[in-house]
Amino acid sequence: MSNSPNYYSLKVVIRDEANMVFVMFTALLDPVEVKAVKYEGVASGSPAALLPVKSTFQDFCNRVQRVIYKGDQLKNITKSLQEATKASFSSESVLTEVLHYIDHNLPDRLEFIFNQMHARIAGKSNPIIEIHFEVIDGKDMAKTTVDEDEIARNEAAAVPINVPTSSGFHVPVDKQLIQFRFQLSPVNGKVLTELGPGDTVFIRLLPGDTITDNIISSLELLDESGVVKQIPAQIVNISNSKNISEVVIKINEQVYGKIIEEENSIKVKTHDPAAGAAPLLTSVASVTATSKSNSLSGKKDAGDVSAVLPFIIILALVLIGLSAIYFFV
């Protein structure tokens, strides 16, 4: 750390009701050495995980760690958030820009930066973004106003939530399993508990693991701004239990997805039967299958060349013989 006793404490809360993604992020910035001393972030599927934006830097750090410890985070989005913030806050140019906006009290510029980042990791939407920054003394870095231990004790004493028992449906072992979130439609969508096998819904794949990243690439789902496009999928199996549902979907015969949705009242965007047949994807979305196809194509081309090669050699020998005869004649 630098010898300067003062740092900037930056806190960001993002409420994305459309995608049911709730993000909290904090960073401690050194304006003298232009570096991030520490930063923490997490994405959750519940707004209850969020703290007021004017909580302390250490309050944010403690809450982020507890959400992760409890397993309440959206793992893929949290991973993408951590990778994005690591890349951004390790860049001197980005930090210089952020510090400039803080120095000149330009929260709208900071909001734009975090809105763009959120769109890349969670999908394009109209999230509500709250930002608070302040100067804190080095000795106040560990100051807290929220008793996480007391909250944990109260939660432990509360009635536990019943997670739905497994429906018994198993995704075939030879299929690709992707990570996804439902595309929500608060006005025209259909409540999750009203959906069943065979219904067509719209989903958005979540980058972050090798299989899902490969599927996004093979189906060219990233638009020009880097946002993952929504795609149709068919519900294969769904089981509900109080507020939680286990849903299995497929986007074609090769690619499946499975999710535990913790809020049954969400409204999912569905296909309107009046618009015609459901627009299920028919293109190959399996990178493995694509690779095998390319490999077989390559072997076939090599086989064709090897079959013709003897005739080329014989023809060359005949031409050499004819040239020799012509020369001696």
C-alpha atoms as a PDB file:
ATOM      1  CA  MET A   1       0.000   0.000   0.000  1.00  0.00           C
ATOM      2  CA  SER A   2       1.055   3.583  -0.448  1.00  0.00           C
ATOM      3  CA  ASN A   3       1.981   5.904   2.408  1.00  0.00           C
ATOM      4  CA  SER A   4      -1.168   7.907   1.759  1.00  0.00           C
ATOM      5  CA  PRO A   5      -3.713   7.394   4.571  1.00  0.00           C
ATOM      6  CA  ASN A   6      -6.688   8.001   2.281  1.00  0.00           C
ATOM      7  CA  TYR A   7      -8.350   5.691  -0.207  1.00  0.00           C
ATOM      8  CA  TYR A   8     -11.476   5.747  -2.314  1.00  0.00           C
ATOM      9  CA  SER A   9     -14.157   3.292  -1.240  1.00  0.00           C
ATOM     10  CA  LEU A  10     -16.316   2.454  -4.284  1.00  0.00           C
ATOM     11  CA  LYS A  11     -19.540   0.458  -3.888  1.00  0.00           C
ATOM     12  CA  VAL A  12     -21.924  -0.641  -6.635  1.00  0.00           C
ATOM     13  CA  VAL A  13     -25.319  -2.364  -6.419  1.00  0.00           C
ATOM     14  CA  ILE A  14     -27.070  -3.599  -9.585  1.00  0.00           C
ATOM     15  CA  ARG A  15     -30.703  -4.718  -9.525  1.00  0.00           C
ATOM     16  CA  ASP A  16     -31.585  -6.551 -12.741  1.00  0.00           C
ATOM     17  CA  GLU A  17     -35.220  -7.582 -12.244  1.00  0.00           C
ATOM     18  CA  ALA A  18     -35.625  -8.712 -15.869  1.00  0.00           C
ATOM     19  CA  ASN A  19     -32.894 -11.350 -15.652  1.00  0.00           C
ATOM     20  CA  MET A  20     -33.262 -11.938 -11.885  1.00  0.00           C
ATOM     21  CA  VAL A  21     -29.612 -11.046 -11.340  1.00  0.00           C
ATOM     22  CA  PHE A  22     -28.573  -8.940  -8.349  1.00  0.00           C
ATOM     23  CA  VAL A  23     -24.963  -7.787  -8.130  1.00  0.00           C
ATOM     24  CA  MET A  24     -22.936  -6.098  -5.435  1.00  0.00           C
ATOM     25  CA  PHE A  25     -19.362  -4.972  -5.924  1.00  0.00           C
ATOM     26  CA  THR A  26     -16.868  -2.945  -3.930  1.00  0.00           C
ATOM     27  CA  ALA A  27     -13.318  -1.747  -4.472  1.00  0.00           C
ATOM     28  CA  LEU A  28     -10.735   0.051  -2.395  1.00  0.00           C
ATOM     29  CA  LEU A  29      -8.701   2.302  -4.688  1.00  0.00           C
ATOM     30  CA  ASP A  30      -5.372   4.023  -4.102  1.00  0.00           C
ATOM     31  CA  PRO A  31      -5.492   7.365  -5.970  1.00  0.00           C
ATOM     32  CA  VAL A  32      -1.780   8.015  -5.455  1.00  0.00           C
ATOM     33  CA  GLU A  33      -0.357   4.783  -6.856  1.00  0.00           C
ATOM     34  CA  VAL A  34      -3.389   4.331  -9.160  1.00  0.00           C
ATOM     35  CA  LYS A  35      -4.142   0.774  -8.159  1.00  0.00           C
ATOM     36  CA  ALA A  36      -6.897  -1.337  -6.638  1.00  0.00           C
ATOM     37  CA  VAL A  37      -5.902  -2.349  -3.120  1.00  0.00           C
ATOM     38  CA  LYS A  38      -8.776  -4.831  -2.864  1.00  0.00           C
ATOM     39  CA  TYR A  39     -12.043  -5.626  -4.614  1.00  0.00           C
ATOM     40  CA  GLU A  40     -14.903  -8.072  -4.050  1.00  0.00           C
ATOM     41  CA  GLY A  41     -18.033  -8.898  -6.037  1.00  0.00           C
ATOM     42  CA  VAL A  42     -20.850 -11.418  -6.217  1.00  0.00           C
ATOM     43  CA  ALA A  43     -24.025 -12.029  -8.231  1.00  0.00           C
ATOM     44  CA  SER A  44     -27.104 -13.559  -6.616  1.00  0.00           C
ATOM     45  CA  GLY A  45     -30.560 -14.561  -7.747  1.00  0.00           C
ATOM     46  CA  SER A  46     -32.151 -12.819  -4.768  1.00  0.00           C
ATOM     47  CA  PRO A  47     -32.326  -9.095  -3.940  1.00  0.00           C
ATOM     48  CA  ALA A  48     -32.206 -10.062  -0.246  1.00  0.00           C
ATOM     49  CA  ALA A  49     -28.466 -10.650  -0.655  1.00  0.00           C
ATOM     50  CA  LEU A  50     -27.814  -6.974  -1.356  1.00  0.00           C
ATOM     51  CA  LEU A  51     -26.733  -4.336   1.149  1.00  0.00           C
ATOM     52  CA  PRO A  52     -27.604  -0.625   1.074  1.00  0.00           C
ATOM     53  CA  VAL A  53     -25.054   1.096  -1.130  1.00  0.00           C
ATOM     54  CA  LYS A  54     -23.933   3.357   1.720  1.00  0.00           C
ATOM     55  CA  SER A  55     -22.802   0.448   3.875  1.00  0.00           C
ATOM     56  CA  THR A  56     -19.084   0.340   4.611  1.00  0.00           C
ATOM     57  CA  PHE A  57     -16.415  -1.176   2.402  1.00  0.00           C
ATOM     58  CA  GLN A  58     -15.884  -4.006   4.912  1.00  0.00           C
ATOM     59  CA  ASP A  59     -19.661  -4.582   5.164  1.00  0.00           C
ATOM     60  CA  PHE A  60     -19.682  -5.250   1.421  1.00  0.00           C
ATOM     61  CA  CYS A  61     -16.665  -7.561   1.633  1.00  0.00           C
ATOM     62  CA  ASN A  62     -18.231  -9.557   4.470  1.00  0.00           C
ATOM     63  CA  ARG A  63     -21.580  -9.881   2.687  1.00  0.00           C
ATOM     64  CA  VAL A  64     -19.944 -10.991  -0.575  1.00  0.00           C
ATOM     65  CA  GLN A  65     -18.018 -13.714   1.245  1.00  0.00           C
ATOM     66  CA  ARG A  66     -21.091 -14.910   3.158  1.00  0.00           C
ATOM     67  CA  VAL A  67     -23.213 -15.131   0.002  1.00  0.00           C
ATOM     68  CA  ILE A  68     -20.476 -17.224  -1.615  1.00  0.00           C
ATOM     69  CA  TYR A  69     -20.001 -19.350   1.527  1.00  0.00           C
ATOM     70  CA  LYS A  70     -23.726 -20.126   1.695  1.00  0.00           C
ATOM     71  CA  GLY A  71     -23.790 -21.068  -1.986  1.00  0.00           C
ATOM     72  CA  ASP A  72     -26.378 -18.370  -2.727  1.00  0.00           C
ATOM     73  CA  GLN A  73     -24.398 -16.894  -5.608  1.00  0.00           C
ATOM     74  CA  LEU A  74     -25.096 -17.377  -9.310  1.00  0.00           C
ATOM     75  CA  LYS A  75     -21.861 -19.252  -9.894  1.00  0.00           C
ATOM     76  CA  ASN A  76     -21.280 -18.621 -13.586  1.00  0.00           C
ATOM     77  CA  ILE A  77     -22.235 -14.940 -13.459  1.00  0.00           C
ATOM     78  CA  THR A  78     -20.168 -14.428 -10.311  1.00  0.00           C
ATOM     79  CA  LYS A  79     -17.201 -16.071 -12.015  1.00  0.00           C
ATOM     80  CA  SER A  80     -17.646 -13.836 -15.075  1.00  0.00           C
ATOM     81  CA  LEU A  81     -18.009 -10.784 -12.807  1.00  0.00           C
ATOM     82  CA  GLN A  82     -14.792 -11.626 -10.971  1.00  0.00           C
ATOM     83  CA  GLU A  83     -12.897 -12.160 -14.231  1.00  0.00           C
ATOM     84  CA  ALA A  84     -14.233  -8.886 -15.690  1.00  0.00           C
ATOM     85  CA  THR A  85     -13.386  -6.852 -12.588  1.00  0.00           C
ATOM     86  CA  LYS A  86      -9.950  -8.432 -12.318  1.00  0.00           C
ATOM     87  CA  ALA A  87      -9.213  -7.460 -15.922  1.00  0.00           C
ATOM     88  CA  SER A  88     -10.592  -3.939 -15.476  1.00  0.00           C
ATOM     89  CA  PHE A  89      -9.101  -3.118 -12.100  1.00  0.00           C
ATOM     90  CA  SER A  90      -5.708  -4.502 -13.091  1.00  0.00           C
ATOM     91  CA  SER A  91      -5.600  -2.033 -15.978  1.00  0.00           C
ATOM     92  CA  GLU A  92      -3.992   1.321 -15.235  1.00  0.00           C
ATOM     93  CA  SER A  93      -5.970   3.007 -18.021  1.00  0.00           C
ATOM     94  CA  VAL A  94      -9.297   1.788 -16.624  1.00  0.00           C
ATOM     95  CA  LEU A  95      -8.344   2.785 -13.095  1.00  0.00           C
ATOM     96  CA  THR A  96      -7.247   6.219 -14.287  1.00  0.00           C
ATOM     97  CA  GLU A  97     -10.628   6.682 -15.951  1.00  0.00           C
ATOM     98  CA  VAL A  98     -12.543   5.495 -12.868  1.00  0.00           C
ATOM     99  CA  LEU A  99     -10.506   7.727 -10.545  1.00  0.00           C
ATOM    100  CA  HIS A 100     -11.076  10.692 -12.865  1.00  0.00           C
ATOM    101  CA  TYR A 101     -14.848  10.188 -12.668  1.00  0.00           C
ATOM    102  CA  ILE A 102     -14.678   9.885  -8.885  1.00  0.00           C
ATOM    103  CA  ASP A 103     -12.460  12.991  -8.560  1.00  0.00           C
ATOM    104  CA  HIS A 104     -14.896  15.020 -10.660  1.00  0.00           C
ATOM    105  CA  ASN A 105     -18.033  13.514  -9.079  1.00  0.00           C
ATOM    106  CA  LEU A 106     -19.394  11.934 -12.270  1.00  0.00           C
ATOM    107  CA  PRO A 107     -21.448   8.939 -11.079  1.00  0.00           C
ATOM    108  CA  ASP A 108     -23.321   8.744 -14.394  1.00  0.00           C
ATOM    109  CA  ARG A 109     -20.050   7.919 -16.187  1.00  0.00           C
ATOM    110  CA  LEU A 110     -19.304   5.201 -13.640  1.00  0.00           C
ATOM    111  CA  GLU A 111     -22.845   3.900 -14.096  1.00  0.00           C
ATOM    112  CA  PHE A 112     -22.215   3.576 -17.835  1.00  0.00           C
ATOM    113  CA  ILE A 113     -19.048   1.533 -17.220  1.00  0.00           C
ATOM    114  CA  PHE A 114     -20.787  -0.896 -14.858  1.00  0.00           C
ATOM    115  CA  ASN A 115     -23.863  -1.107 -17.072  1.00  0.00           C
ATOM    116  CA  GLN A 116     -21.691  -2.212 -19.996  1.00  0.00           C
ATOM    117  CA  MET A 117     -19.905  -4.739 -17.803  1.00  0.00           C
ATOM    118  CA  HIS A 118     -23.214  -6.105 -16.515  1.00  0.00           C
ATOM    119  CA  ALA A 119     -24.585  -6.483 -20.048  1.00  0.00           C
ATOM    120  CA  ARG A 120     -21.563  -8.590 -21.011  1.00  0.00           C
ATOM    121  CA  ILE A 121     -21.860 -10.973 -18.075  1.00  0.00           C
ATOM    122  CA  ALA A 122     -25.613 -11.175 -17.436  1.00  0.00           C
ATOM    123  CA  GLY A 123     -27.351 -10.030 -20.619  1.00  0.00           C
ATOM    124  CA  LYS A 124     -28.653  -6.757 -21.933  1.00  0.00           C
ATOM    125  CA  SER A 125     -31.425  -5.231 -19.842  1.00  0.00           C
ATOM    126  CA  ASN A 126     -32.392  -2.049 -18.004  1.00  0.00           C
ATOM    127  CA  PRO A 127     -30.936  -2.636 -14.532  1.00  0.00           C
ATOM    128  CA  ILE A 128     -31.149  -0.156 -11.681  1.00  0.00           C
ATOM    129  CA  ILE A 129     -27.587   0.793 -10.729  1.00  0.00           C
ATOM    130  CA  GLU A 130     -26.680   2.484  -7.471  1.00  0.00           C
ATOM    131  CA  ILE A 131     -23.165   3.835  -6.943  1.00  0.00           C
ATOM    132  CA  HIS A 132     -21.600   5.369  -3.866  1.00  0.00           C
ATOM    133  CA  PHE A 133     -18.001   6.447  -3.383  1.00  0.00           C
ATOM    134  CA  GLU A 134     -16.234   8.204  -0.540  1.00  0.00           C
ATOM    135  CA  VAL A 135     -12.803   8.919   0.862  1.00  0.00           C
ATOM    136  CA  ILE A 136     -11.862   6.732   3.830  1.00  0.00           C
ATOM    137  CA  ASP A 137      -8.843   6.719   6.090  1.00  0.00           C
ATOM    138  CA  GLY A 138      -6.637   3.637   6.096  1.00  0.00           C
ATOM    139  CA  LYS A 139      -7.561   2.884   9.703  1.00  0.00           C
ATOM    140  CA  ASP A 140     -11.283   2.772   8.744  1.00  0.00           C
ATOM    141  CA  MET A 141     -10.872   0.037   6.134  1.00  0.00           C
ATOM    142  CA  ALA A 142     -12.104  -2.651   8.548  1.00  0.00           C
ATOM    143  CA  LYS A 143     -15.012  -0.621   9.954  1.00  0.00           C
ATOM    144  CA  THR A 144     -18.380  -2.429   9.899  1.00  0.00           C
ATOM    145  CA  THR A 145     -21.984  -1.456  10.591  1.00  0.00           C
ATOM    146  CA  VAL A 146     -23.657  -4.793   9.764  1.00  0.00           C
ATOM    147  CA  ASP A 147     -23.426  -7.783  12.130  1.00  0.00           C
ATOM    148  CA  GLU A 148     -23.229 -10.711   9.712  1.00  0.00           C
ATOM    149  CA  ASP A 149     -22.898 -13.196  12.586  1.00  0.00           C
ATOM    150  CA  GLU A 150     -26.219 -12.089  14.046  1.00  0.00           C
ATOM    151  CA  ILE A 151     -27.879 -12.331  10.628  1.00  0.00           C
ATOM    152  CA  ALA A 152     -26.471 -15.852  10.233  1.00  0.00           C
ATOM    153  CA  ARG A 153     -27.843 -16.858  13.668  1.00  0.00           C
ATOM    154  CA  ASN A 154     -31.293 -15.497  12.794  1.00  0.00           C
ATOM    155  CA  GLU A 155     -31.277 -17.355   9.488  1.00  0.00           C
ATOM    156  CA  ALA A 156     -30.251 -20.580  11.210  1.00  0.00           C
ATOM    157  CA  ALA A 157     -33.213 -20.241  13.595  1.00  0.00           C
ATOM    158  CA  ALA A 158     -35.646 -19.623  10.741  1.00  0.00           C
ATOM    159  CA  VAL A 159     -37.734 -22.359   9.135  1.00  0.00           C
ATOM    160  CA  PRO A 160     -35.636 -24.022   6.392  1.00  0.00           C
ATOM    161  CA  ILE A 161     -36.740 -23.863   2.767  1.00  0.00           C
ATOM    162  CA  ASN A 162     -37.655 -27.207   1.264  1.00  0.00           C
ATOM    163  CA  VAL A 163     -35.694 -27.859  -1.902  1.00  0.00           C
ATOM    164  CA  PRO A 164     -37.659 -29.990  -4.382  1.00  0.00           C
ATOM    165  CA  THR A 165     -36.693 -33.623  -4.390  1.00  0.00           C
ATOM    166  CA  SER A 166     -35.168 -34.846  -7.614  1.00  0.00           C
ATOM    167  CA  SER A 167     -37.757 -35.584 -10.259  1.00  0.00           C
ATOM    168  CA  GLY A 168     -35.817 -38.670 -11.271  1.00  0.00           C
ATOM    169  CA  PHE A 169     -35.183 -37.277 -14.733  1.00  0.00           C
ATOM    170  CA  HIS A 170     -31.585 -37.658 -15.868  1.00  0.00           C
ATOM    171  CA  VAL A 171     -30.025 -35.877 -18.827  1.00  0.00           C
ATOM    172  CA  PRO A 172     -28.581 -38.506 -21.212  1.00  0.00           C
ATOM    173  CA  VAL A 173     -24.859 -38.918 -20.612  1.00  0.00           C
ATOM    174  CA  ASP A 174     -24.008 -38.418 -24.290  1.00  0.00           C
ATOM    175  CA  LYS A 175     -25.512 -34.910 -24.370  1.00  0.00           C
ATOM    176  CA  GLN A 176     -23.928 -31.502 -23.752  1.00  0.00           C
ATOM    177  CA  LEU A 177     -25.077 -29.784 -20.529  1.00  0.00           C
ATOM    178  CA  ILE A 178     -25.059 -25.967 -20.626  1.00  0.00           C
ATOM    179  CA  GLN A 179     -25.582 -23.233 -18.011  1.00  0.00           C
ATOM    180  CA  PHE A 180     -28.454 -20.809 -18.613  1.00  0.00           C
ATOM    181  CA  ARG A 181     -31.019 -18.408 -17.173  1.00  0.00           C
ATOM    182  CA  PHE A 182     -34.621 -17.950 -18.267  1.00  0.00           C
ATOM    183  CA  GLN A 183     -35.395 -14.864 -20.333  1.00  0.00           C
ATOM    184  CA  LEU A 184     -37.998 -13.090 -18.242  1.00  0.00           C
ATOM    185  CA  SER A 185     -40.983 -11.107 -19.463  1.00  0.00           C
ATOM    186  CA  PRO A 186     -42.685  -9.410 -16.472  1.00  0.00           C
ATOM    187  CA  VAL A 187     -45.658  -8.204 -18.559  1.00  0.00           C
ATOM    188  CA  ASN A 188     -46.399 -10.882 -21.165  1.00  0.00           C
ATOM    189  CA  GLY A 189     -44.532 -13.846 -19.697  1.00  0.00           C
ATOM    190  CA  LYS A 190     -45.981 -17.033 -18.255  1.00  0.00           C
ATOM    191  CA  VAL A 191     -45.545 -17.923 -14.583  1.00  0.00           C
ATOM    192  CA  LEU A 192     -43.033 -20.740 -14.187  1.00  0.00           C
ATOM    193  CA  THR A 193     -45.425 -23.019 -12.294  1.00  0.00           C
ATOM    194  CA  GLU A 194     -47.861 -22.862 -15.225  1.00  0.00           C
ATOM    195  CA  LEU A 195     -45.312 -24.304 -17.662  1.00  0.00           C
ATOM    196  CA  GLY A 196     -44.865 -27.978 -18.457  1.00  0.00           C
ATOM    197  CA  PRO A 197     -42.984 -30.441 -20.682  1.00  0.00           C
ATOM    198  CA  GLY A 198     -43.196 -29.510 -24.352  1.00  0.00           C
ATOM    199  CA  ASP A 199     -43.602 -25.769 -23.755  1.00  0.00           C
ATOM    200  CA  THR A 200     -41.187 -23.520 -25.614  1.00  0.00           C
ATOM    201  CA  VAL A 201     -39.435 -20.842 -23.556  1.00  0.00           C
ATOM    202  CA  PHE A 202     -36.628 -18.415 -24.253  1.00  0.00           C
ATOM    203  CA  ILE A 203     -33.323 -18.661 -22.429  1.00  0.00           C
ATOM    204  CA  ARG A 204     -29.969 -16.913 -22.349  1.00  0.00           C
ATOM    205  CA  LEU A 205     -26.808 -19.002 -22.044  1.00  0.00           C
ATOM    206  CA  LEU A 206     -24.400 -17.999 -19.275  1.00  0.00           C
ATOM    207  CA  PRO A 207     -20.744 -17.887 -20.325  1.00  0.00           C
ATOM    208  CA  GLY A 208     -18.158 -19.120 -17.865  1.00  0.00           C
ATOM    209  CA  ASP A 209     -17.631 -22.850 -18.413  1.00  0.00           C
ATOM    210  CA  THR A 210     -15.977 -24.587 -21.360  1.00  0.00           C
ATOM    211  CA  ILE A 211     -19.056 -26.389 -22.696  1.00  0.00           C
ATOM    212  CA  THR A 212     -21.347 -23.333 -22.574  1.00  0.00           C
ATOM    213  CA  ASP A 213     -18.661 -21.063 -24.027  1.00  0.00           C
ATOM    214  CA  ASN A 214     -18.161 -23.503 -26.921  1.00  0.00           C
ATOM    215  CA  ILE A 215     -21.901 -23.685 -27.607  1.00  0.00           C
ATOM    216  CA  ILE A 216     -22.164 -19.873 -27.601  1.00  0.00           C
ATOM    217  CA  SER A 217     -19.293 -19.771 -30.094  1.00  0.00           C
ATOM    218  CA  SER A 218     -20.579 -22.568 -32.349  1.00  0.00           C
ATOM    219  CA  LEU A 219     -24.061 -21.021 -32.552  1.00  0.00           C
ATOM    220  CA  GLU A 220     -22.611 -17.487 -32.934  1.00  0.00           C
ATOM    221  CA  LEU A 221     -24.768 -16.154 -30.107  1.00  0.00           C
ATOM    222  CA  LEU A 222     -22.655 -13.110 -29.250  1.00  0.00           C
ATOM    223  CA  ASP A 223     -23.921  -9.929 -30.900  1.00  0.00           C
ATOM    224  CA  GLU A 224     -21.695  -7.020 -31.942  1.00  0.00           C
ATOM    225  CA  SER A 225     -21.786  -5.514 -28.438  1.00  0.00           C
ATOM    226  CA  GLY A 226     -20.698  -8.790 -26.829  1.00  0.00           C
ATOM    227  CA  VAL A 227     -24.149  -9.627 -25.378  1.00  0.00           C
ATOM    228  CA  VAL A 228     -25.383 -13.234 -25.567  1.00  0.00           C
ATOM    229  CA  LYS A 229     -28.545 -13.472 -27.677  1.00  0.00           C
ATOM    230  CA  GLN A 230     -31.663 -15.161 -26.334  1.00  0.00           C
ATOM    231  CA  ILE A 231     -32.640 -18.468 -27.962  1.00  0.00           C
ATOM    232  CA  PRO A 232     -35.677 -20.781 -27.832  1.00  0.00           C
ATOM    233  CA  ALA A 233     -35.614 -23.994 -25.811  1.00  0.00           C
ATOM    234  CA  GLN A 234     -38.103 -26.725 -25.021  1.00  0.00           C
ATOM    235  CA  ILE A 235     -38.962 -27.784 -21.487  1.00  0.00           C
ATOM    236  CA  VAL A 236     -38.260 -31.495 -21.088  1.00  0.00           C
ATOM    237  CA  ASN A 237     -39.086 -31.904 -17.407  1.00  0.00           C
ATOM    238  CA  ILE A 238     -40.204 -29.682 -14.525  1.00  0.00           C
ATOM    239  CA  SER A 239     -40.892 -30.387 -10.864  1.00  0.00           C
ATOM    240  CA  ASN A 240     -42.159 -27.800  -8.380  1.00  0.00           C
ATOM    241  CA  SER A 241     -41.930 -27.622  -4.592  1.00  0.00           C
ATOM    242  CA  LYS A 242     -43.298 -24.542  -2.830  1.00  0.00           C
ATOM    243  CA  ASN A 243     -41.121 -21.649  -4.068  1.00  0.00           C
ATOM    244  CA  ILE A 244     -38.522 -23.703  -5.939  1.00  0.00           C
ATOM    245  CA  SER A 245     -38.558 -25.538  -9.267  1.00  0.00           C
ATOM    246  CA  GLU A 246     -36.174 -27.923 -10.976  1.00  0.00           C
ATOM    247  CA  VAL A 247     -36.344 -27.464 -14.745  1.00  0.00           C
ATOM    248  CA  VAL A 248     -34.659 -29.420 -17.546  1.00  0.00           C
ATOM    249  CA  ILE A 249     -34.632 -27.905 -21.048  1.00  0.00           C
ATOM    250  CA  LYS A 250     -33.111 -28.719 -24.401  1.00  0.00           C
ATOM    251  CA  ILE A 251     -32.205 -26.407 -27.245  1.00  0.00           C
ATOM    252  CA  ASN A 252     -31.850 -29.302 -29.691  1.00  0.00           C
ATOM    253  CA  GLU A 253     -31.227 -33.038 -29.581  1.00  0.00           C
ATOM    254  CA  GLN A 254     -27.584 -32.520 -28.630  1.00  0.00           C
ATOM    255  CA  VAL A 255     -27.744 -29.818 -25.970  1.00  0.00           C
ATOM    256  CA  TYR A 256     -29.599 -29.815 -22.643  1.00  0.00           C
ATOM    257  CA  GLY A 257     -29.673 -27.566 -19.591  1.00  0.00           C
ATOM    258  CA  LYS A 258     -30.774 -27.976 -15.981  1.00  0.00           C
ATOM    259  CA  ILE A 259     -31.541 -25.284 -13.410  1.00  0.00           C
ATOM    260  CA  ILE A 260     -32.885 -24.931  -9.872  1.00  0.00           C
ATOM    261  CA  GLU A 261     -35.065 -21.815 -10.000  1.00  0.00           C
ATOM    262  CA  GLU A 262     -35.606 -20.349  -6.533  1.00  0.00           C
ATOM    263  CA  GLU A 263     -38.603 -18.169  -7.386  1.00  0.00           C
ATOM    264  CA  ASN A 264     -41.705 -19.809  -8.855  1.00  0.00           C
ATOM    265  CA  SER A 265     -43.499 -16.519  -9.404  1.00  0.00           C
ATOM    266  CA  ILE A 266     -41.147 -15.318 -12.152  1.00  0.00           C
ATOM    267  CA  LYS A 267     -42.711 -14.791 -15.551  1.00  0.00           C
ATOM    268  CA  VAL A 268     -40.780 -16.512 -18.330  1.00  0.00           C
ATOM    269  CA  LYS A 269     -40.864 -15.399 -21.956  1.00  0.00           C
ATOM    270  CA  THR A 270     -42.602 -18.115 -24.000  1.00  0.00           C
ATOM    271  CA  HIS A 271     -43.386 -18.789 -27.642  1.00  0.00           C
ATOM    272  CA  ASP A 272     -46.849 -17.720 -28.760  1.00  0.00           C
ATOM    273  CA  PRO A 273     -48.481 -20.696 -30.587  1.00  0.00           C
ATOM    274  CA  ALA A 274     -50.485 -18.205 -32.655  1.00  0.00           C
ATOM    275  CA  ALA A 275     -47.213 -17.146 -34.282  1.00  0.00           C
ATOM    276  CA  GLY A 276     -46.763 -20.596 -35.825  1.00  0.00           C
ATOM    277  CA  ALA A 277     -44.497 -23.531 -35.074  1.00  0.00           C
ATOM    278  CA  ALA A 278     -42.043 -23.209 -32.213  1.00  0.00           C
ATOM    279  CA  PRO A 279     -38.683 -21.890 -33.531  1.00  0.00           C
ATOM    280  CA  LEU A 280     -36.476 -24.623 -32.055  1.00  0.00           C
ATOM    281  CA  LEU A 281     -32.875 -24.639 -33.192  1.00  0.00           C
ATOM    282  CA  THR A 282     -31.981 -27.322 -35.705  1.00  0.00           C
ATOM    283  CA  SER A 283     -28.322 -26.450 -36.345  1.00  0.00           C
ATOM    284  CA  VAL A 284     -25.615 -28.537 -34.749  1.00  0.00           C
ATOM    285  CA  ALA A 285     -24.781 -26.920 -31.418  1.00  0.00           C
ATOM    286  CA  SER A 286     -22.294 -29.538 -30.341  1.00  0.00           C
ATOM    287  CA  VAL A 287     -18.691 -28.492 -30.698  1.00  0.00           C
ATOM    288  CA  THR A 288     -17.703 -32.133 -30.304  1.00  0.00           C
ATOM    289  CA  ALA A 289     -19.941 -33.127 -33.189  1.00  0.00           C
ATOM    290  CA  THR A 290     -18.635 -30.265 -35.303  1.00  0.00           C
ATOM    291  CA  SER A 291     -15.044 -31.254 -34.603  1.00  0.00           C
ATOM    292  CA  LYS A 292     -15.738 -34.875 -35.489  1.00  0.00           C
ATOM    293  CA  SER A 293     -17.378 -33.781 -38.726  1.00  0.00           C
ATOM    294  CA  ASN A 294     -14.372 -31.658 -39.649  1.00  0.00           C
ATOM    295  CA  SER A 295     -12.040 -34.501 -38.729  1.00  0.00           C
ATOM    296  CA  LEU A 296     -13.933 -36.971 -40.906  1.00  0.00           C
ATOM    297  CA  SER A 297     -13.950 -34.454 -43.755  1.00  0.00           C
ATOM    298  CA  GLY A 298     -10.197 -34.059 -43.442  1.00  0.00           C
ATOM    299  CA  LYS A 299      -9.671 -37.829 -43.465  1.00  0.00           C
ATOM    300  CA  LYS A 300     -11.887 -38.154 -46.522  1.00  0.00           C
ATOM    301  CA  ASP A 301      -9.898 -35.492 -48.397  1.00  0.00           C
ATOM    302  CA  ALA A 302      -6.653 -37.202 -47.449  1.00  0.00           C
ATOM    303  CA  GLY A 303      -8.059 -40.516 -48.654  1.00  0.00           C
ATOM    304  CA  ASP A 304      -9.038 -39.024 -51.997  1.00  0.00           C
ATOM    305  CA  VAL A 305      -5.524 -37.650 -52.527  1.00  0.00           C
ATOM    306  CA  SER A 306      -3.863 -40.953 -51.595  1.00  0.00           C
ATOM    307  CA  ALA A 307      -6.107 -42.854 -54.034  1.00  0.00           C
ATOM    308  CA  VAL A 308      -5.200 -40.575 -56.976  1.00  0.00           C
ATOM    309  CA  LEU A 309      -1.470 -40.382 -56.172  1.00  0.00           C
ATOM    310  CA  PRO A 310      -0.471 -43.731 -57.823  1.00  0.00           C
ATOM    311  CA  PHE A 311      -2.080 -42.694 -61.128  1.00  0.00           C
ATOM    312  CA  ILE A 312      -0.204 -39.389 -61.035  1.00  0.00           C
ATOM    313  CA  ILE A 313       3.088 -41.242 -60.517  1.00  0.00           C
ATOM    314  CA  ILE A 314       2.374 -43.682 -63.380  1.00  0.00           C
ATOM    315  CA  LEU A 315       1.405 -40.805 -65.681  1.00  0.00           C
ATOM    316  CA  ALA A 316       4.655 -39.016 -64.799  1.00  0.00           C
ATOM    317  CA  LEU A 317       6.707 -42.135 -65.609  1.00  0.00           C
ATOM    318  CA  VAL A 318       4.942 -42.565 -68.959  1.00  0.00           C
ATOM    319  CA  LEU A 319       5.667 -38.940 -69.865  1.00  0.00           C
ATOM    320  CA  ILE A 320       9.352 -39.388 -68.929  1.00  0.00           C
ATOM    321  CA  GLY A 321       9.520 -42.539 -71.104  1.00  0.00           C
ATOM    322  CA  LEU A 322       7.946 -40.795 -74.080  1.00  0.00           C
ATOM    323  CA  SER A 323      10.356 -37.882 -73.696  1.00  0.00           C
ATOM    324  CA  ALA A 324      13.337 -40.273 -73.703  1.00  0.00           C
ATOM    325  CA  ILE A 325      12.103 -42.065 -76.845  1.00  0.00           C
ATOM    326  CA  TYR A 326      11.582 -38.744 -78.608  1.00  0.00           C
ATOM    327  CA  PHE A 327      15.074 -37.600 -77.623  1.00  0.00           C
ATOM    328  CA  PHE A 328      16.871 -40.702 -78.998  1.00  0.00           C
ATOM    329  CA  VAL A 329      14.775 -40.725 -82.143  1.00  0.00           C
END
